[in-house]
């Protein structure tokens, strides 16, 4: 197709399932192709710092702002795509612990023999939450953190941990994991995932079309299906 471009994207994993569904629709509608590397936040930051070439990035909003500040992404190009809270999962068939209240969550954390968490925004938040709940010392020896780019769902499904926390969108439908539910509202943290155009992007205009597609009503429905709120 005349004017068709290859858009290179570097993305964290919270939006991956929805993204993959939408990319096929976008490619069919526009003739553009989208080549995407999905990895963890730390790996995204390293790849950008190493000078790897992309047209667009997707990360948590504050991480996007940091890349704009560092000159790696264009000022004014941040677009918020979807929001997600943090949720708990257990291995398939395992008893589902109670996390309906803050007190119940504390009891579950104390009772668990092992707890999985990520290197991304959900993991950073969980460490601060353990501290806030006064449980940092009690849970310290039970914690298992995934390497950047590895899902907490993998640890849970392989029964390497008894319980695990990650973004709703990353854990709700993970194979081998039973979804328990989101954190109680009083201690929930919602992370906004955003896109930005990379400084020096070769296909900036085509990338902007892809961003626009990711904010359509049709995309909003796809995000909602996976427990994320659009925008």
C-alpha atoms as a PDB file:
ATOM      1  CA  UNK A   1       0.000   0.000   0.000  1.00  0.00           C
ATOM      2  CA  UNK A   2       1.352   3.418  -0.949  1.00  0.00           C
ATOM      3  CA  UNK A   3       2.606   5.384   2.031  1.00  0.00           C
ATOM      4  CA  UNK A   4       2.607   2.323   4.285  1.00  0.00           C
ATOM      5  CA  UNK A   5       5.116   2.572   7.127  1.00  0.00           C
ATOM      6  CA  UNK A   6       6.710   0.238   9.640  1.00  0.00           C
ATOM      7  CA  UNK A   7       6.120   1.690  13.107  1.00  0.00           C
ATOM      8  CA  UNK A   8       8.612   0.553  15.736  1.00  0.00           C
ATOM      9  CA  UNK A   9       7.268   0.503  19.285  1.00  0.00           C
ATOM     10  CA  UNK A  10       8.892  -0.223  22.652  1.00  0.00           C
ATOM     11  CA  UNK A  11       6.333  -1.024  25.348  1.00  0.00           C
ATOM     12  CA  UNK A  12       5.947  -2.281  28.883  1.00  0.00           C
ATOM     13  CA  UNK A  13       3.600  -5.233  29.318  1.00  0.00           C
ATOM     14  CA  UNK A  14       0.502  -3.979  31.143  1.00  0.00           C
ATOM     15  CA  UNK A  15      -1.347  -3.151  27.904  1.00  0.00           C
ATOM     16  CA  UNK A  16       0.038  -6.082  25.875  1.00  0.00           C
ATOM     17  CA  UNK A  17      -3.061  -8.295  25.498  1.00  0.00           C
ATOM     18  CA  UNK A  18      -5.310  -5.420  24.427  1.00  0.00           C
ATOM     19  CA  UNK A  19      -2.580  -3.976  22.221  1.00  0.00           C
ATOM     20  CA  UNK A  20      -2.132  -7.247  20.309  1.00  0.00           C
ATOM     21  CA  UNK A  21      -5.862  -7.425  19.599  1.00  0.00           C
ATOM     22  CA  UNK A  22      -5.958  -3.841  18.325  1.00  0.00           C
ATOM     23  CA  UNK A  23      -2.758  -3.907  16.274  1.00  0.00           C
ATOM     24  CA  UNK A  24      -4.193  -6.419  13.781  1.00  0.00           C
ATOM     25  CA  UNK A  25      -7.221  -4.159  13.252  1.00  0.00           C
ATOM     26  CA  UNK A  26      -5.029  -1.082  12.796  1.00  0.00           C
ATOM     27  CA  UNK A  27      -2.713  -2.797  10.299  1.00  0.00           C
ATOM     28  CA  UNK A  28      -5.687  -4.003   8.256  1.00  0.00           C
ATOM     29  CA  UNK A  29      -7.296  -0.550   8.275  1.00  0.00           C
ATOM     30  CA  UNK A  30      -4.165   1.471   7.415  1.00  0.00           C
ATOM     31  CA  UNK A  31      -1.684  -0.804   5.638  1.00  0.00           C
ATOM     32  CA  UNK A  32       0.970   0.192   8.180  1.00  0.00           C
ATOM     33  CA  UNK A  33       2.816  -2.523  10.071  1.00  0.00           C
ATOM     34  CA  UNK A  34       3.623  -2.250  13.770  1.00  0.00           C
ATOM     35  CA  UNK A  35       6.712  -3.997  15.160  1.00  0.00           C
ATOM     36  CA  UNK A  36       6.669  -4.043  18.947  1.00  0.00           C
ATOM     37  CA  UNK A  37       9.124  -5.073  21.654  1.00  0.00           C
ATOM     38  CA  UNK A  38       7.320  -5.854  24.940  1.00  0.00           C
ATOM     39  CA  UNK A  39       9.476  -5.924  28.050  1.00  0.00           C
ATOM     40  CA  UNK A  40       9.673  -4.714  31.640  1.00  0.00           C
ATOM     41  CA  UNK A  41      10.034  -1.094  32.721  1.00  0.00           C
ATOM     42  CA  UNK A  42      13.725  -1.429  33.649  1.00  0.00           C
ATOM     43  CA  UNK A  43      14.501  -2.990  30.266  1.00  0.00           C
ATOM     44  CA  UNK A  44      12.604  -0.235  28.418  1.00  0.00           C
ATOM     45  CA  UNK A  45      14.607   2.404  30.283  1.00  0.00           C
ATOM     46  CA  UNK A  46      17.880   0.609  29.496  1.00  0.00           C
ATOM     47  CA  UNK A  47      17.091   0.237  25.781  1.00  0.00           C
ATOM     48  CA  UNK A  48      16.248   3.939  25.493  1.00  0.00           C
ATOM     49  CA  UNK A  49      19.372   4.921  27.443  1.00  0.00           C
ATOM     50  CA  UNK A  50      21.437   2.721  25.101  1.00  0.00           C
ATOM     51  CA  UNK A  51      20.139   4.720  22.139  1.00  0.00           C
ATOM     52  CA  UNK A  52      18.024   2.000  20.476  1.00  0.00           C
ATOM     53  CA  UNK A  53      15.800   3.420  17.738  1.00  0.00           C
ATOM     54  CA  UNK A  54      11.988   3.425  18.031  1.00  0.00           C
ATOM     55  CA  UNK A  55       9.098   5.607  16.882  1.00  0.00           C
ATOM     56  CA  UNK A  56       6.922   5.306  19.951  1.00  0.00           C
ATOM     57  CA  UNK A  57       7.032   4.133  23.568  1.00  0.00           C
ATOM     58  CA  UNK A  58       4.328   2.961  25.996  1.00  0.00           C
ATOM     59  CA  UNK A  59       5.036   3.077  29.737  1.00  0.00           C
ATOM     60  CA  UNK A  60       3.486   4.249  32.999  1.00  0.00           C
ATOM     61  CA  UNK A  61       2.722   7.975  32.783  1.00  0.00           C
ATOM     62  CA  UNK A  62       5.445   9.144  35.218  1.00  0.00           C
ATOM     63  CA  UNK A  63       8.035   7.051  33.343  1.00  0.00           C
ATOM     64  CA  UNK A  64       6.934   8.690  30.066  1.00  0.00           C
ATOM     65  CA  UNK A  65       7.336  12.116  31.704  1.00  0.00           C
ATOM     66  CA  UNK A  66      10.863  11.129  32.773  1.00  0.00           C
ATOM     67  CA  UNK A  67      11.743  10.157  29.179  1.00  0.00           C
ATOM     68  CA  UNK A  68      10.385  13.492  27.905  1.00  0.00           C
ATOM     69  CA  UNK A  69      12.455  15.306  30.539  1.00  0.00           C
ATOM     70  CA  UNK A  70      15.531  13.300  29.462  1.00  0.00           C
ATOM     71  CA  UNK A  71      14.959  14.349  25.839  1.00  0.00           C
ATOM     72  CA  UNK A  72      14.288  10.760  24.690  1.00  0.00           C
ATOM     73  CA  UNK A  73      10.612  11.482  23.881  1.00  0.00           C
ATOM     74  CA  UNK A  74       8.974  14.573  22.410  1.00  0.00           C
ATOM     75  CA  UNK A  75       7.498  17.198  24.732  1.00  0.00           C
ATOM     76  CA  UNK A  76       3.731  17.425  24.339  1.00  0.00           C
ATOM     77  CA  UNK A  77       3.436  13.951  22.776  1.00  0.00           C
ATOM     78  CA  UNK A  78       2.237  12.054  25.879  1.00  0.00           C
ATOM     79  CA  UNK A  79      -1.203  10.499  25.392  1.00  0.00           C
ATOM     80  CA  UNK A  80      -2.865   8.537  28.217  1.00  0.00           C
ATOM     81  CA  UNK A  81      -4.218   5.198  26.949  1.00  0.00           C
ATOM     82  CA  UNK A  82      -5.548   3.235  29.923  1.00  0.00           C
ATOM     83  CA  UNK A  83      -5.463   2.871  33.715  1.00  0.00           C
ATOM     84  CA  UNK A  84      -5.032  -0.243  35.825  1.00  0.00           C
ATOM     85  CA  UNK A  85      -5.103  -1.079  39.517  1.00  0.00           C
ATOM     86  CA  UNK A  86      -3.050  -3.738  41.299  1.00  0.00           C
ATOM     87  CA  UNK A  87      -4.554  -7.180  41.858  1.00  0.00           C
ATOM     88  CA  UNK A  88      -3.833 -10.527  43.499  1.00  0.00           C
ATOM     89  CA  UNK A  89      -3.614 -13.940  41.862  1.00  0.00           C
ATOM     90  CA  UNK A  90      -3.040 -17.496  43.125  1.00  0.00           C
ATOM     91  CA  UNK A  91      -2.123 -20.753  41.365  1.00  0.00           C
ATOM     92  CA  UNK A  92      -5.000 -22.445  39.482  1.00  0.00           C
ATOM     93  CA  UNK A  93      -7.163 -24.385  41.913  1.00  0.00           C
ATOM     94  CA  UNK A  94      -5.519 -22.985  45.068  1.00  0.00           C
ATOM     95  CA  UNK A  95      -7.749 -21.523  47.827  1.00  0.00           C
ATOM     96  CA  UNK A  96      -8.523 -17.857  47.216  1.00  0.00           C
ATOM     97  CA  UNK A  97      -7.533 -15.731  50.221  1.00  0.00           C
ATOM     98  CA  UNK A  98      -9.652 -12.850  51.472  1.00  0.00           C
ATOM     99  CA  UNK A  99      -8.384  -9.391  50.493  1.00  0.00           C
ATOM    100  CA  UNK A 100     -11.770  -7.638  50.703  1.00  0.00           C
ATOM    101  CA  UNK A 101     -10.642  -5.292  53.467  1.00  0.00           C
ATOM    102  CA  UNK A 102      -7.286  -3.856  54.539  1.00  0.00           C
ATOM    103  CA  UNK A 103      -7.333  -6.066  57.663  1.00  0.00           C
ATOM    104  CA  UNK A 104      -8.058  -9.158  55.555  1.00  0.00           C
ATOM    105  CA  UNK A 105      -5.232  -8.214  53.179  1.00  0.00           C
ATOM    106  CA  UNK A 106      -2.823  -7.909  56.127  1.00  0.00           C
ATOM    107  CA  UNK A 107      -3.837 -11.363  57.410  1.00  0.00           C
ATOM    108  CA  UNK A 108      -3.361 -12.831  53.918  1.00  0.00           C
ATOM    109  CA  UNK A 109       0.116 -11.294  53.622  1.00  0.00           C
ATOM    110  CA  UNK A 110       1.128 -12.631  57.034  1.00  0.00           C
ATOM    111  CA  UNK A 111      -0.258 -16.109  56.304  1.00  0.00           C
ATOM    112  CA  UNK A 112       1.328 -16.461  52.843  1.00  0.00           C
ATOM    113  CA  UNK A 113       4.526 -18.499  52.686  1.00  0.00           C
ATOM    114  CA  UNK A 114       5.753 -16.664  49.544  1.00  0.00           C
ATOM    115  CA  UNK A 115       4.731 -13.475  47.725  1.00  0.00           C
ATOM    116  CA  UNK A 116       5.503 -12.557  44.108  1.00  0.00           C
ATOM    117  CA  UNK A 117       5.840  -8.980  42.871  1.00  0.00           C
ATOM    118  CA  UNK A 118       7.271  -7.179  39.826  1.00  0.00           C
ATOM    119  CA  UNK A 119      10.045  -4.724  39.020  1.00  0.00           C
ATOM    120  CA  UNK A 120       7.444  -2.425  37.400  1.00  0.00           C
ATOM    121  CA  UNK A 121       5.082   0.185  38.899  1.00  0.00           C
ATOM    122  CA  UNK A 122       2.947  -2.426  40.719  1.00  0.00           C
ATOM    123  CA  UNK A 123       6.025  -3.884  42.431  1.00  0.00           C
ATOM    124  CA  UNK A 124       7.353  -0.488  43.471  1.00  0.00           C
ATOM    125  CA  UNK A 125       3.935   0.278  44.935  1.00  0.00           C
ATOM    126  CA  UNK A 126       3.632  -3.046  46.777  1.00  0.00           C
ATOM    127  CA  UNK A 127       6.967  -2.494  48.557  1.00  0.00           C
ATOM    128  CA  UNK A 128       5.703   0.914  49.747  1.00  0.00           C
ATOM    129  CA  UNK A 129       2.370  -0.675  50.768  1.00  0.00           C
ATOM    130  CA  UNK A 130       4.041  -3.381  52.886  1.00  0.00           C
ATOM    131  CA  UNK A 131       5.817  -0.552  54.676  1.00  0.00           C
ATOM    132  CA  UNK A 132       2.616   1.497  55.052  1.00  0.00           C
ATOM    133  CA  UNK A 133       0.800  -1.526  56.529  1.00  0.00           C
ATOM    134  CA  UNK A 134       3.643  -2.022  59.020  1.00  0.00           C
ATOM    135  CA  UNK A 135       4.504  -5.434  57.543  1.00  0.00           C
ATOM    136  CA  UNK A 136       7.801  -4.697  55.744  1.00  0.00           C
ATOM    137  CA  UNK A 137       9.921  -6.757  58.170  1.00  0.00           C
ATOM    138  CA  UNK A 138       7.436  -9.642  58.458  1.00  0.00           C
ATOM    139  CA  UNK A 139       7.142 -10.172  54.680  1.00  0.00           C
ATOM    140  CA  UNK A 140      10.735  -9.390  53.680  1.00  0.00           C
ATOM    141  CA  UNK A 141      11.898 -13.021  53.762  1.00  0.00           C
ATOM    142  CA  UNK A 142       8.898 -14.228  51.719  1.00  0.00           C
ATOM    143  CA  UNK A 143       9.251 -11.889  48.753  1.00  0.00           C
ATOM    144  CA  UNK A 144      10.215 -13.027  45.265  1.00  0.00           C
ATOM    145  CA  UNK A 145      10.662 -10.360  42.589  1.00  0.00           C
ATOM    146  CA  UNK A 146      10.460 -11.193  38.893  1.00  0.00           C
ATOM    147  CA  UNK A 147      13.299 -10.109  36.602  1.00  0.00           C
ATOM    148  CA  UNK A 148      12.318  -7.193  34.327  1.00  0.00           C
ATOM    149  CA  UNK A 149      10.144  -8.509  31.498  1.00  0.00           C
ATOM    150  CA  UNK A 150       8.901 -11.608  33.363  1.00  0.00           C
ATOM    151  CA  UNK A 151       5.268 -11.713  34.478  1.00  0.00           C
ATOM    152  CA  UNK A 152       4.376 -12.356  38.123  1.00  0.00           C
ATOM    153  CA  UNK A 153       1.807 -14.731  36.608  1.00  0.00           C
ATOM    154  CA  UNK A 154       4.687 -17.022  35.590  1.00  0.00           C
ATOM    155  CA  UNK A 155       5.807 -17.335  39.222  1.00  0.00           C
ATOM    156  CA  UNK A 156       2.240 -18.019  40.331  1.00  0.00           C
ATOM    157  CA  UNK A 157       1.416 -20.513  37.560  1.00  0.00           C
ATOM    158  CA  UNK A 158       4.663 -22.423  38.236  1.00  0.00           C
ATOM    159  CA  UNK A 159       3.812 -22.425  41.977  1.00  0.00           C
ATOM    160  CA  UNK A 160       7.067 -20.647  42.778  1.00  0.00           C
ATOM    161  CA  UNK A 161       4.962 -18.322  44.961  1.00  0.00           C
ATOM    162  CA  UNK A 162       1.734 -18.851  46.897  1.00  0.00           C
ATOM    163  CA  UNK A 163       0.298 -15.439  45.998  1.00  0.00           C
ATOM    164  CA  UNK A 164       1.387 -12.663  43.635  1.00  0.00           C
ATOM    165  CA  UNK A 165       0.555  -9.050  42.857  1.00  0.00           C
ATOM    166  CA  UNK A 166       0.621  -7.257  39.496  1.00  0.00           C
ATOM    167  CA  UNK A 167      -1.532  -4.949  37.362  1.00  0.00           C
ATOM    168  CA  UNK A 168      -5.094  -6.257  36.904  1.00  0.00           C
ATOM    169  CA  UNK A 169      -4.548  -6.453  33.128  1.00  0.00           C
ATOM    170  CA  UNK A 170      -1.434  -8.619  33.546  1.00  0.00           C
ATOM    171  CA  UNK A 171      -2.866 -11.112  36.030  1.00  0.00           C
ATOM    172  CA  UNK A 172      -6.644 -11.343  35.454  1.00  0.00           C
ATOM    173  CA  UNK A 173      -6.542 -13.795  32.534  1.00  0.00           C
ATOM    174  CA  UNK A 174      -3.030 -15.250  32.927  1.00  0.00           C
ATOM    175  CA  UNK A 175      -2.915 -18.998  32.104  1.00  0.00           C
ATOM    176  CA  UNK A 176      -2.500 -21.145  35.221  1.00  0.00           C
ATOM    177  CA  UNK A 177      -3.559 -18.316  37.550  1.00  0.00           C
ATOM    178  CA  UNK A 178      -6.841 -17.823  39.409  1.00  0.00           C
ATOM    179  CA  UNK A 179      -7.697 -14.140  39.721  1.00  0.00           C
ATOM    180  CA  UNK A 180      -8.574 -13.207  43.319  1.00  0.00           C
ATOM    181  CA  UNK A 181      -9.356  -9.524  42.809  1.00  0.00           C
ATOM    182  CA  UNK A 182      -8.032  -5.984  43.108  1.00  0.00           C
ATOM    183  CA  UNK A 183      -6.572  -4.479  46.278  1.00  0.00           C
ATOM    184  CA  UNK A 184      -9.100  -2.849  48.649  1.00  0.00           C
ATOM    185  CA  UNK A 185     -10.042   0.650  47.482  1.00  0.00           C
ATOM    186  CA  UNK A 186      -8.407   2.340  50.506  1.00  0.00           C
ATOM    187  CA  UNK A 187      -4.972   0.982  49.550  1.00  0.00           C
ATOM    188  CA  UNK A 188      -5.372   0.669  45.785  1.00  0.00           C
ATOM    189  CA  UNK A 189      -3.060   2.509  43.415  1.00  0.00           C
ATOM    190  CA  UNK A 190      -4.133   3.199  39.855  1.00  0.00           C
ATOM    191  CA  UNK A 191      -1.365   3.485  37.283  1.00  0.00           C
ATOM    192  CA  UNK A 192      -1.949   5.380  34.042  1.00  0.00           C
ATOM    193  CA  UNK A 193      -0.239   3.873  30.985  1.00  0.00           C
ATOM    194  CA  UNK A 194       0.664   6.375  28.299  1.00  0.00           C
ATOM    195  CA  UNK A 195       2.349   6.644  24.926  1.00  0.00           C
ATOM    196  CA  UNK A 196       4.810   9.173  23.555  1.00  0.00           C
ATOM    197  CA  UNK A 197       6.598   9.762  20.279  1.00  0.00           C
ATOM    198  CA  UNK A 198      10.333   9.124  20.477  1.00  0.00           C
ATOM    199  CA  UNK A 199      12.693  12.007  19.663  1.00  0.00           C
ATOM    200  CA  UNK A 200      14.047  11.482  16.155  1.00  0.00           C
ATOM    201  CA  UNK A 201      11.294   8.998  15.233  1.00  0.00           C
ATOM    202  CA  UNK A 202      11.488   7.982  11.557  1.00  0.00           C
ATOM    203  CA  UNK A 203       7.744   7.298  11.358  1.00  0.00           C
ATOM    204  CA  UNK A 204       6.325   9.942  13.700  1.00  0.00           C
ATOM    205  CA  UNK A 205       3.185  10.619  11.639  1.00  0.00           C
ATOM    206  CA  UNK A 206       2.283   6.942  11.284  1.00  0.00           C
ATOM    207  CA  UNK A 207       2.967   6.467  15.014  1.00  0.00           C
ATOM    208  CA  UNK A 208       0.536   9.304  15.786  1.00  0.00           C
ATOM    209  CA  UNK A 209      -2.130   7.464  13.737  1.00  0.00           C
ATOM    210  CA  UNK A 210      -1.525   4.352  15.843  1.00  0.00           C
ATOM    211  CA  UNK A 211      -1.860   6.381  19.054  1.00  0.00           C
ATOM    212  CA  UNK A 212      -5.111   7.867  17.750  1.00  0.00           C
ATOM    213  CA  UNK A 213      -6.399   4.325  17.033  1.00  0.00           C
ATOM    214  CA  UNK A 214      -5.510   3.282  20.603  1.00  0.00           C
ATOM    215  CA  UNK A 215      -7.820   6.010  21.948  1.00  0.00           C
ATOM    216  CA  UNK A 216     -10.911   5.178  19.833  1.00  0.00           C
ATOM    217  CA  UNK A 217     -14.176   3.914  21.438  1.00  0.00           C
ATOM    218  CA  UNK A 218     -13.406   0.492  19.938  1.00  0.00           C
ATOM    219  CA  UNK A 219     -10.021   0.466  21.719  1.00  0.00           C
ATOM    220  CA  UNK A 220     -11.728   1.598  24.950  1.00  0.00           C
ATOM    221  CA  UNK A 221     -13.950  -1.500  24.828  1.00  0.00           C
ATOM    222  CA  UNK A 222     -10.918  -3.751  24.331  1.00  0.00           C
ATOM    223  CA  UNK A 223      -9.179  -2.217  27.362  1.00  0.00           C
ATOM    224  CA  UNK A 224     -12.325  -2.598  29.508  1.00  0.00           C
ATOM    225  CA  UNK A 225     -12.516  -6.312  28.627  1.00  0.00           C
ATOM    226  CA  UNK A 226      -9.198  -6.781  30.416  1.00  0.00           C
ATOM    227  CA  UNK A 227     -10.046  -4.833  33.542  1.00  0.00           C
ATOM    228  CA  UNK A 228      -8.479  -1.526  32.491  1.00  0.00           C
ATOM    229  CA  UNK A 229     -10.189   1.861  32.323  1.00  0.00           C
ATOM    230  CA  UNK A 230      -9.563   3.757  29.075  1.00  0.00           C
ATOM    231  CA  UNK A 231      -7.809   7.139  29.068  1.00  0.00           C
END
